[in-house]
Amino acid sequence: MSLRDKLITFYTKHNPTKLSQIDEIVESFEGREDDLFAALEHKYSQSSAPTDSHDIHSNLKQLQSMLTSILSFDTSGLIRSLGATQERTFDLVSLLTKFQNEAATFVEYAAIVANDITTRRSPLQFKQQSEHVQSAVIGKTQYHYSLEPQPARTPFVRVVHDVSILPGSERGVIQAALANPRVNPGDVLCLHPGTYIDNLSVSHNNFVELRAAYPGAVVTICPMDTSKPVISVSENAKLVLQGIVVGSTAAASGAIVSLCNNSSVDCENCEFVGGGIHCQGNASLILSHCRISGAAFAGLYVKDGAFGSFSNCDIVECEVGVRVKDSTYSIIKTSVRKCSSDGVACHGATRGVLQDATVVENGENGVLLSPQSMAVLTGSTCSKNRLYGVYAPTGADFALIGSQVDSNGSGEFNRPPPSLSRALQSLM
């Protein structure tokens, strides 16, 4: 029986959710079948054993009791007894009331978790050898209890695996870790400082989070194969990035991150250098406090029914800052500047909003609309662009609400903006 057939038999019995990853596992463990099955037997023999969760239950019950006491506490009476001023009394009561509301939510969660603690997993020590992957070490597993974001609110365990690079072994480390049978959907790879050389693929309903090991840790992912995106996400998969730098000097078609087919990517405090993020096919892209620079074609490209939300970001020195086609988007408290072409370019039946955004010093138009596209600019600034602040041909609709459009080379608008009432009506 081949290794693939053995794995199909094993996972059919122990963990059917892993069947979609069998090809990746076979490729990673080719020639090391004994090591693989030793690890599998160790994992699933432990997971089938009874879990002693008495201490966890006891601690959660005590915490629940403590928080319940907090909920019944007379915070207003306490503040008055301290003789605080009326203004400070209001501030402190508001703060403590907010804390009590948070405590109430946690009491509910603690009750659920206390009644159903899932099996804890053992730490992982893993080494992978192949042509491109020399070694990877994963260990120091932590346990984070949280709730699945589903109506049933089923408790589950998210395992955090520490990943680090051994000297001279930067290639393929993260992808090898993702293919390891002990890394399950929903787990977190905590990346220690270093430059990881990899092309990551997340697919088949998988869900993974990559985060820097600690605030200030410099974690960079560069491509092993520059003809491909550094990160590809597809087929209903979800990827979360926190504190990661993704960079390339020769990004494939300008994209260093690509997502499609109902997948989603959520990035916070990340930087993308030398390439953009391309999102298509009902995918969802959410960026917060991120920086995108030096991308050909577009820093952010959202098309074909996808959705993009970008808040508190800096998009600088790309060909086009944000390019959207037949999709919806929101640009909030974000700067789009010094791009060689347009700051924001909308094509086809695109709808979007720029709220408190800054679109300045771009090589062509600040905001370019096409027929059938619609946009609302509220509290935003479009200035110092080489051509128009807003270019809207016949058939395009836009509304300006408390926005500033001035000091643009060819003028503020190529045609007078529509009345606010008509523009808003067309955008409904």
Protein backbone atom coordinates (compact mmCIF):
# COMPACT_ATOMS: atom_id res chain seq x y z
CA MET A 1 0.00 0.00 0.00
CA SER A 2 1.37 3.42 -0.95
CA LEU A 3 1.98 6.19 1.60
CA ARG A 4 -0.95 8.13 0.16
CA ASP A 5 -3.33 5.16 0.53
CA LYS A 6 -2.13 4.59 4.11
CA LEU A 7 -2.80 8.23 4.98
CA ILE A 8 -6.26 8.10 3.44
CA THR A 9 -7.09 5.06 5.58
CA PHE A 10 -5.61 6.62 8.71
CA TYR A 11 -7.28 10.05 8.40
CA THR A 12 -10.62 8.54 7.36
CA LYS A 13 -10.66 6.89 10.76
CA HIS A 14 -9.03 9.56 12.95
CA ASN A 15 -9.45 12.99 11.34
CA PRO A 16 -11.39 13.27 8.03
CA THR A 17 -10.77 17.05 7.89
CA LYS A 18 -7.14 16.28 6.97
CA LEU A 19 -8.03 14.35 3.80
CA SER A 20 -7.77 17.51 1.68
CA GLN A 21 -4.13 17.98 2.78
CA ILE A 22 -2.85 14.49 2.02
CA ASP A 23 -0.94 15.43 -1.12
CA GLU A 24 0.98 18.14 0.75
CA ILE A 25 1.79 15.74 3.61
CA VAL A 26 2.99 13.03 1.21
CA GLU A 27 5.30 15.51 -0.52
CA SER A 28 6.69 16.81 2.79
CA PHE A 29 7.38 13.35 4.28
CA GLU A 30 8.55 11.46 1.20
CA GLY A 31 11.20 8.94 2.30
CA ARG A 32 10.38 9.41 6.01
CA GLU A 33 7.25 7.32 6.33
CA ASP A 34 8.26 5.80 9.69
CA ASP A 35 8.79 9.24 11.27
CA LEU A 36 5.42 10.43 10.00
CA PHE A 37 3.42 7.51 11.35
CA ALA A 38 5.28 7.60 14.67
CA ALA A 39 4.18 11.22 15.05
CA LEU A 40 0.61 10.41 14.01
CA GLU A 41 0.31 7.51 16.44
CA HIS A 42 1.68 9.69 19.25
CA LYS A 43 -0.77 12.50 18.50
CA TYR A 44 -3.96 10.52 18.06
CA SER A 45 -3.27 8.08 20.89
CA GLN A 46 -3.00 11.11 23.21
CA SER A 47 -6.06 12.85 21.78
CA SER A 48 -8.18 9.73 22.36
CA ALA A 49 -7.14 9.44 26.01
CA PRO A 50 -9.35 11.03 28.69
CA THR A 51 -8.36 14.59 29.55
CA ASP A 52 -8.07 15.60 33.16
CA SER A 53 -9.76 18.98 33.10
CA HIS A 54 -10.70 19.17 36.79
CA ASP A 55 -8.29 22.04 37.50
CA ILE A 56 -9.47 23.99 34.46
CA HIS A 57 -13.10 23.57 35.48
CA SER A 58 -12.34 24.65 39.05
CA ASN A 59 -10.40 27.76 38.03
CA LEU A 60 -13.03 28.85 35.51
CA LYS A 61 -15.82 28.37 38.08
CA GLN A 62 -13.91 30.55 40.56
CA LEU A 63 -13.36 33.22 37.91
CA GLN A 64 -17.01 33.10 36.96
CA SER A 65 -18.01 33.60 40.60
CA MET A 66 -15.63 36.55 40.98
CA LEU A 67 -16.91 38.28 37.85
CA THR A 68 -20.52 37.71 38.89
CA SER A 69 -19.73 39.56 42.13
CA ILE A 70 -18.32 42.44 40.09
CA LEU A 71 -21.59 42.71 38.17
CA SER A 72 -23.59 43.35 41.37
CA PHE A 73 -21.13 45.90 42.80
CA ASP A 74 -22.41 49.46 43.43
CA THR A 75 -19.79 51.42 41.49
CA SER A 76 -21.62 54.76 41.80
CA GLY A 77 -21.77 54.47 45.58
CA LEU A 78 -18.05 53.73 45.75
CA ILE A 79 -17.12 56.80 43.68
CA ARG A 80 -19.38 59.08 45.76
CA SER A 81 -17.84 57.79 48.98
CA LEU A 82 -14.41 58.77 47.70
CA GLY A 83 -15.51 62.40 47.37
CA ALA A 84 -14.65 62.72 43.68
CA THR A 85 -15.82 65.72 41.68
CA GLN A 86 -18.99 65.43 39.64
CA GLU A 87 -17.05 65.37 36.36
CA ARG A 88 -14.63 62.69 37.52
CA THR A 89 -17.53 60.72 39.04
CA PHE A 90 -19.18 60.54 35.62
CA ASP A 91 -15.94 59.45 33.93
CA LEU A 92 -15.17 56.75 36.50
CA VAL A 93 -18.71 55.41 36.58
CA SER A 94 -18.70 55.17 32.77
CA LEU A 95 -15.39 53.33 32.84
CA LEU A 96 -16.47 50.86 35.51
CA THR A 97 -19.82 50.30 33.81
CA LYS A 98 -17.99 49.41 30.60
CA PHE A 99 -15.82 46.99 32.58
CA GLN A 100 -18.89 45.39 34.10
CA ASN A 101 -20.41 44.92 30.64
CA GLU A 102 -17.21 43.20 29.47
CA ALA A 103 -17.26 41.04 32.60
CA ALA A 104 -20.83 39.98 31.83
CA THR A 105 -19.76 38.78 28.40
CA PHE A 106 -16.83 36.88 29.86
CA VAL A 107 -19.04 35.22 32.47
CA GLU A 108 -21.13 33.79 29.63
CA TYR A 109 -18.04 32.56 27.77
CA ALA A 110 -16.50 31.08 30.93
CA ALA A 111 -19.68 29.12 31.61
CA ILE A 112 -19.60 27.61 28.14
CA VAL A 113 -15.91 26.74 28.26
CA ALA A 114 -16.16 25.32 31.79
CA ASN A 115 -18.83 22.91 30.58
CA ASP A 116 -16.96 21.74 27.50
CA ILE A 117 -13.15 21.82 27.54
CA THR A 118 -11.79 20.15 24.41
CA THR A 119 -8.71 17.92 24.41
CA ARG A 120 -5.42 19.73 24.86
CA ARG A 121 -2.62 18.95 22.42
CA SER A 122 0.99 18.21 23.23
CA PRO A 123 3.92 20.44 22.19
CA LEU A 124 5.30 19.88 18.70
CA GLN A 125 8.94 19.28 17.80
CA PHE A 126 9.28 18.91 14.06
CA LYS A 127 12.15 18.74 11.56
CA GLN A 128 11.60 18.60 7.82
CA GLN A 129 14.29 17.64 5.28
CA SER A 130 13.92 18.10 1.50
CA GLU A 131 15.64 19.73 -1.45
CA HIS A 132 14.48 23.22 -0.49
CA VAL A 133 13.52 22.72 3.16
CA GLN A 134 16.55 22.11 5.31
CA SER A 135 15.03 22.36 8.76
CA ALA A 136 12.26 23.88 10.83
CA VAL A 137 11.63 23.76 14.54
CA ILE A 138 8.21 24.22 16.08
CA GLY A 139 7.64 24.00 19.80
CA LYS A 140 6.66 25.75 23.05
CA THR A 141 2.98 25.14 22.39
CA GLN A 142 0.55 27.44 24.21
CA TYR A 143 -3.18 26.92 24.69
CA HIS A 144 -5.71 29.65 23.91
CA TYR A 145 -9.36 28.96 24.64
CA SER A 146 -11.80 30.89 22.49
CA LEU A 147 -15.17 30.49 20.82
CA GLU A 148 -15.83 29.56 17.20
CA PRO A 149 -17.62 32.49 15.52
CA GLN A 150 -20.73 30.41 14.74
CA PRO A 151 -24.27 30.60 16.10
CA ALA A 152 -23.72 27.41 18.10
CA ARG A 153 -20.63 29.00 19.72
CA THR A 154 -18.85 25.68 20.08
CA PRO A 155 -15.67 25.94 22.21
CA PHE A 156 -12.40 24.90 20.59
CA VAL A 157 -8.70 25.03 21.35
CA ARG A 158 -6.37 27.22 19.28
CA VAL A 159 -2.81 25.99 19.55
CA VAL A 160 0.03 28.47 19.12
CA HIS A 161 3.18 26.91 17.63
CA ASP A 162 6.46 28.82 17.91
CA VAL A 163 8.37 28.72 14.61
CA SER A 164 12.01 29.75 14.26
CA ILE A 165 14.77 29.51 11.67
CA LEU A 166 17.92 27.51 12.24
CA PRO A 167 21.10 29.03 10.68
CA GLY A 168 21.15 28.43 6.93
CA SER A 169 17.65 26.93 6.86
CA GLU A 170 15.44 29.80 5.75
CA ARG A 171 13.83 28.09 2.75
CA GLY A 172 10.34 26.59 2.95
CA VAL A 173 10.08 26.61 6.74
CA ILE A 174 6.55 28.04 7.04
CA GLN A 175 4.99 25.88 4.32
CA ALA A 176 6.56 22.79 5.87
CA ALA A 177 5.03 23.76 9.20
CA LEU A 178 1.60 24.23 7.60
CA ALA A 179 1.85 20.74 6.09
CA ASN A 180 2.76 19.14 9.40
CA PRO A 181 -0.07 16.85 10.58
CA ARG A 182 -0.02 18.39 14.06
CA VAL A 183 -0.94 21.84 12.77
CA ASN A 184 -4.73 21.95 12.48
CA PRO A 185 -7.12 24.52 10.99
CA GLY A 186 -7.43 27.45 13.38
CA ASP A 187 -3.94 27.05 14.85
CA VAL A 188 -1.46 29.92 15.03
CA LEU A 189 2.14 29.95 13.79
CA CYS A 190 4.09 32.38 15.95
CA LEU A 191 7.09 33.44 13.83
CA HIS A 192 10.33 34.45 15.54
CA PRO A 193 12.53 37.16 13.98
CA GLY A 194 14.22 36.40 10.69
CA THR A 195 13.77 36.33 6.91
CA TYR A 196 11.72 33.34 5.78
CA ILE A 197 12.07 32.35 2.10
CA ASP A 198 8.85 30.70 1.05
CA ASN A 199 5.83 30.53 -1.26
CA LEU A 200 2.84 29.87 0.96
CA SER A 201 -0.38 28.23 -0.19
CA VAL A 202 -3.47 28.19 2.04
CA SER A 203 -6.52 26.47 0.57
CA HIS A 204 -9.28 23.85 0.99
CA ASN A 205 -11.21 25.56 3.81
CA ASN A 206 -8.06 25.89 5.89
CA PHE A 207 -7.73 28.66 8.47
CA VAL A 208 -4.34 29.76 9.74
CA GLU A 209 -2.89 32.77 11.52
CA LEU A 210 0.70 33.94 11.11
CA ARG A 211 1.90 36.45 13.68
CA ALA A 212 5.18 37.98 14.80
CA ALA A 213 6.42 36.41 18.03
CA TYR A 214 6.31 39.70 19.93
CA PRO A 215 5.81 43.44 19.26
CA GLY A 216 8.81 44.82 17.39
CA ALA A 217 9.99 41.44 16.12
CA VAL A 218 11.15 41.83 12.50
CA VAL A 219 9.61 38.94 10.57
CA THR A 220 9.96 39.05 6.79
CA ILE A 221 8.63 36.57 4.21
CA CYS A 222 10.24 36.67 0.74
CA PRO A 223 9.49 34.43 -2.26
CA MET A 224 11.36 31.23 -2.97
CA ASP A 225 10.01 31.35 -6.54
CA THR A 226 9.72 34.96 -7.73
CA SER A 227 7.38 33.95 -10.56
CA LYS A 228 4.67 33.22 -7.97
CA PRO A 229 3.04 35.32 -5.25
CA VAL A 230 4.63 35.01 -1.83
CA ILE A 231 1.22 34.07 -0.37
CA SER A 232 -1.72 32.47 -2.22
CA VAL A 233 -5.08 31.94 -0.52
CA SER A 234 -7.98 30.16 -2.27
CA GLU A 235 -10.93 27.77 -2.01
CA ASN A 236 -12.73 29.15 1.05
CA ALA A 237 -9.54 29.42 3.10
CA LYS A 238 -8.84 32.17 5.65
CA LEU A 239 -5.49 33.74 6.51
CA VAL A 240 -4.74 36.21 9.30
CA LEU A 241 -1.44 38.14 9.32
CA GLN A 242 -0.21 40.20 12.26
CA GLY A 243 3.04 42.17 12.36
CA ILE A 244 4.49 40.52 9.23
CA VAL A 245 6.56 42.08 6.41
CA VAL A 246 5.95 40.53 2.98
CA GLY A 247 8.46 41.59 0.36
CA SER A 248 9.63 40.92 -3.18
CA THR A 249 11.79 42.64 -5.76
CA ALA A 250 10.19 40.73 -8.65
CA ALA A 251 6.58 40.05 -7.76
CA ALA A 252 4.52 37.94 -10.17
CA SER A 253 2.29 40.34 -12.16
CA GLY A 254 2.77 42.86 -9.37
CA ALA A 255 1.10 40.60 -6.76
CA ILE A 256 2.90 39.33 -3.68
CA VAL A 257 -0.38 38.25 -2.03
CA SER A 258 -3.20 36.69 -4.07
CA LEU A 259 -6.63 35.58 -2.85
CA CYS A 260 -9.64 34.22 -4.72
CA ASN A 261 -12.58 31.78 -4.65
CA ASN A 262 -14.42 32.94 -1.52
CA SER A 263 -11.26 33.14 0.56
CA SER A 264 -10.40 35.92 3.01
CA VAL A 265 -7.27 37.67 4.25
CA ASP A 266 -7.18 39.86 7.35
CA CYS A 267 -3.98 41.84 7.98
CA GLU A 268 -3.03 44.09 10.89
CA ASN A 269 0.21 46.04 11.38
CA CYS A 270 1.76 44.47 8.27
CA GLU A 271 3.93 45.85 5.48
CA PHE A 272 3.94 44.81 1.82
CA VAL A 273 7.01 45.90 -0.15
CA GLY A 274 7.64 45.63 -3.88
CA GLY A 275 4.26 44.17 -4.79
CA GLY A 276 0.55 44.49 -4.16
CA ILE A 277 -2.39 42.43 -2.92
CA HIS A 278 -4.79 41.09 -5.57
CA CYS A 279 -8.27 40.03 -4.44
CA GLN A 280 -10.90 38.51 -6.75
CA GLY A 281 -13.77 36.07 -7.08
CA ASN A 282 -15.98 36.88 -4.04
CA ALA A 283 -12.92 37.04 -1.80
CA SER A 284 -12.63 39.45 1.13
CA LEU A 285 -9.59 41.58 1.97
CA ILE A 286 -9.41 43.55 5.23
CA LEU A 287 -6.37 45.68 6.10
CA SER A 288 -5.78 47.72 9.24
CA HIS A 289 -2.68 49.81 10.01
CA CYS A 290 -0.77 48.38 7.03
CA ARG A 291 1.67 49.91 4.53
CA ILE A 292 1.90 49.01 0.83
CA SER A 293 4.70 50.41 -1.33
CA GLY A 294 6.43 49.94 -4.67
CA ALA A 295 3.75 47.81 -6.33
CA ALA A 296 3.42 47.54 -10.11
CA PHE A 297 -0.12 47.76 -11.53
CA ALA A 298 -1.77 48.39 -8.14
CA GLY A 299 -0.99 48.40 -4.45
CA LEU A 300 -4.45 46.93 -3.82
CA TYR A 301 -6.47 45.34 -6.64
CA VAL A 302 -10.04 44.26 -5.90
CA LYS A 303 -12.11 42.78 -8.76
CA ASP A 304 -14.89 40.46 -9.92
CA GLY A 305 -17.27 40.64 -6.98
CA ALA A 306 -14.66 40.86 -4.22
CA PHE A 307 -14.75 43.19 -1.21
CA GLY A 308 -11.95 45.33 0.21
CA SER A 309 -11.86 47.34 3.44
CA PHE A 310 -8.76 49.42 4.19
CA SER A 311 -8.44 51.49 7.35
CA ASN A 312 -5.53 53.49 8.78
CA CYS A 313 -3.25 52.35 5.95
CA ASP A 314 -0.50 54.06 3.96
CA ILE A 315 -0.35 53.28 0.22
CA VAL A 316 2.65 54.95 -1.36
CA GLU A 317 4.67 54.97 -4.58
CA CYS A 318 2.70 52.29 -6.42
CA GLU A 319 1.56 52.43 -10.05
CA VAL A 320 -2.07 52.84 -8.92
CA GLY A 321 -2.81 53.01 -5.22
CA VAL A 322 -6.19 51.23 -5.15
CA ARG A 323 -7.67 49.71 -8.31
CA VAL A 324 -11.23 48.31 -8.11
CA LYS A 325 -13.27 46.57 -10.83
CA ASP A 326 -16.88 45.38 -10.48
CA SER A 327 -16.52 45.20 -6.69
CA THR A 328 -17.16 47.18 -3.50
CA TYR A 329 -14.63 48.87 -1.23
CA SER A 330 -14.16 51.24 1.69
CA ILE A 331 -11.09 53.41 2.27
CA ILE A 332 -11.10 54.86 5.79
CA LYS A 333 -8.46 57.12 7.37
CA THR A 334 -6.02 55.93 4.73
CA SER A 335 -3.39 57.84 2.75
CA VAL A 336 -2.90 57.16 -0.98
CA ARG A 337 0.05 59.21 -2.20
CA LYS A 338 2.85 59.60 -4.70
CA CYS A 339 1.58 56.90 -7.06
CA SER A 340 2.79 57.16 -10.67
CA SER A 341 -0.75 56.95 -12.08
CA ASP A 342 -4.11 57.40 -10.31
CA GLY A 343 -4.57 57.31 -6.57
CA VAL A 344 -7.88 55.40 -6.68
CA ALA A 345 -9.14 53.97 -9.99
CA CYS A 346 -12.66 52.51 -10.27
CA HIS A 347 -13.71 50.41 -13.27
CA GLY A 348 -17.02 48.80 -14.22
CA ALA A 349 -19.90 48.59 -11.76
CA THR A 350 -17.87 49.54 -8.71
CA ARG A 351 -19.28 51.11 -5.53
CA GLY A 352 -17.25 52.53 -2.70
CA VAL A 353 -16.65 55.14 -0.04
CA LEU A 354 -13.64 57.22 0.92
CA GLN A 355 -14.02 58.38 4.52
CA ASP A 356 -11.45 60.69 6.11
CA ALA A 357 -9.03 59.56 3.39
CA THR A 358 -6.14 61.51 1.90
CA VAL A 359 -5.39 61.16 -1.83
CA VAL A 360 -2.50 63.48 -2.71
CA GLU A 361 0.50 63.98 -4.97
CA ASN A 362 -0.38 61.27 -7.48
CA GLY A 363 0.89 61.27 -11.08
CA GLU A 364 -2.53 61.43 -12.72
CA ASN A 365 -5.99 61.74 -11.09
CA GLY A 366 -6.72 61.58 -7.40
CA VAL A 367 -9.89 59.53 -7.93
CA LEU A 368 -10.71 58.11 -11.38
CA LEU A 369 -14.24 56.86 -12.00
CA SER A 370 -15.58 55.04 -15.04
CA PRO A 371 -19.14 54.89 -16.39
CA GLN A 372 -21.39 52.86 -14.05
CA SER A 373 -19.06 53.37 -11.08
CA MET A 374 -20.20 55.22 -7.96
CA ALA A 375 -18.30 56.76 -5.05
CA VAL A 376 -18.91 58.82 -1.93
CA LEU A 377 -16.15 61.05 -0.53
CA THR A 378 -16.85 62.11 3.03
CA GLY A 379 -14.38 64.12 5.09
CA SER A 380 -11.66 63.31 2.55
CA THR A 381 -8.94 65.34 0.81
CA CYS A 382 -7.92 65.14 -2.87
CA SER A 383 -5.20 67.64 -3.63
CA LYS A 384 -1.90 68.21 -5.44
CA ASN A 385 -2.61 65.49 -8.01
CA ARG A 386 -1.17 66.15 -11.48
CA LEU A 387 -4.49 65.95 -13.35
CA TYR A 388 -7.96 66.14 -11.74
CA GLY A 389 -8.91 65.71 -8.11
CA VAL A 390 -11.93 63.62 -9.21
CA TYR A 391 -12.39 62.51 -12.82
CA ALA A 392 -15.95 61.29 -13.45
CA PRO A 393 -17.10 60.72 -17.06
CA THR A 394 -20.74 60.71 -18.09
CA GLY A 395 -22.50 57.80 -16.41
CA ALA A 396 -20.37 57.91 -13.27
CA ASP A 397 -21.90 59.18 -10.03
CA PHE A 398 -20.21 60.58 -6.96
CA ALA A 399 -21.04 62.62 -3.88
CA LEU A 400 -18.90 64.99 -1.84
CA ILE A 401 -19.73 65.35 1.85
CA GLY A 402 -17.46 67.68 3.80
CA SER A 403 -14.52 66.87 1.52
CA GLN A 404 -11.75 69.10 0.23
CA VAL A 405 -10.76 68.94 -3.45
CA ASP A 406 -8.22 71.61 -4.43
CA SER A 407 -4.79 72.44 -5.87
CA ASN A 408 -4.95 69.79 -8.60
CA GLY A 409 -3.09 70.39 -11.88
CA SER A 410 -5.95 70.16 -14.41
CA GLY A 411 -8.68 71.28 -12.03
CA GLU A 412 -10.75 69.91 -9.21
CA PHE A 413 -13.28 68.07 -11.44
CA ASN A 414 -13.53 67.32 -15.18
CA ARG A 415 -17.23 68.21 -14.90
CA PRO A 416 -19.27 69.87 -12.15
CA PRO A 417 -20.11 67.48 -9.33
CA PRO A 418 -23.77 66.40 -9.16
CA SER A 419 -26.03 67.81 -6.51
CA LEU A 420 -25.71 65.97 -3.22
CA SER A 421 -29.31 64.75 -3.22
CA ARG A 422 -29.09 63.32 -6.76
CA ALA A 423 -25.72 61.70 -6.12
CA LEU A 424 -26.86 60.05 -2.91
CA GLN A 425 -30.06 58.84 -4.58
CA SER A 426 -28.05 57.19 -7.35
CA LEU A 427 -25.84 55.48 -4.80
CA MET A 428 -28.71 53.89 -2.89
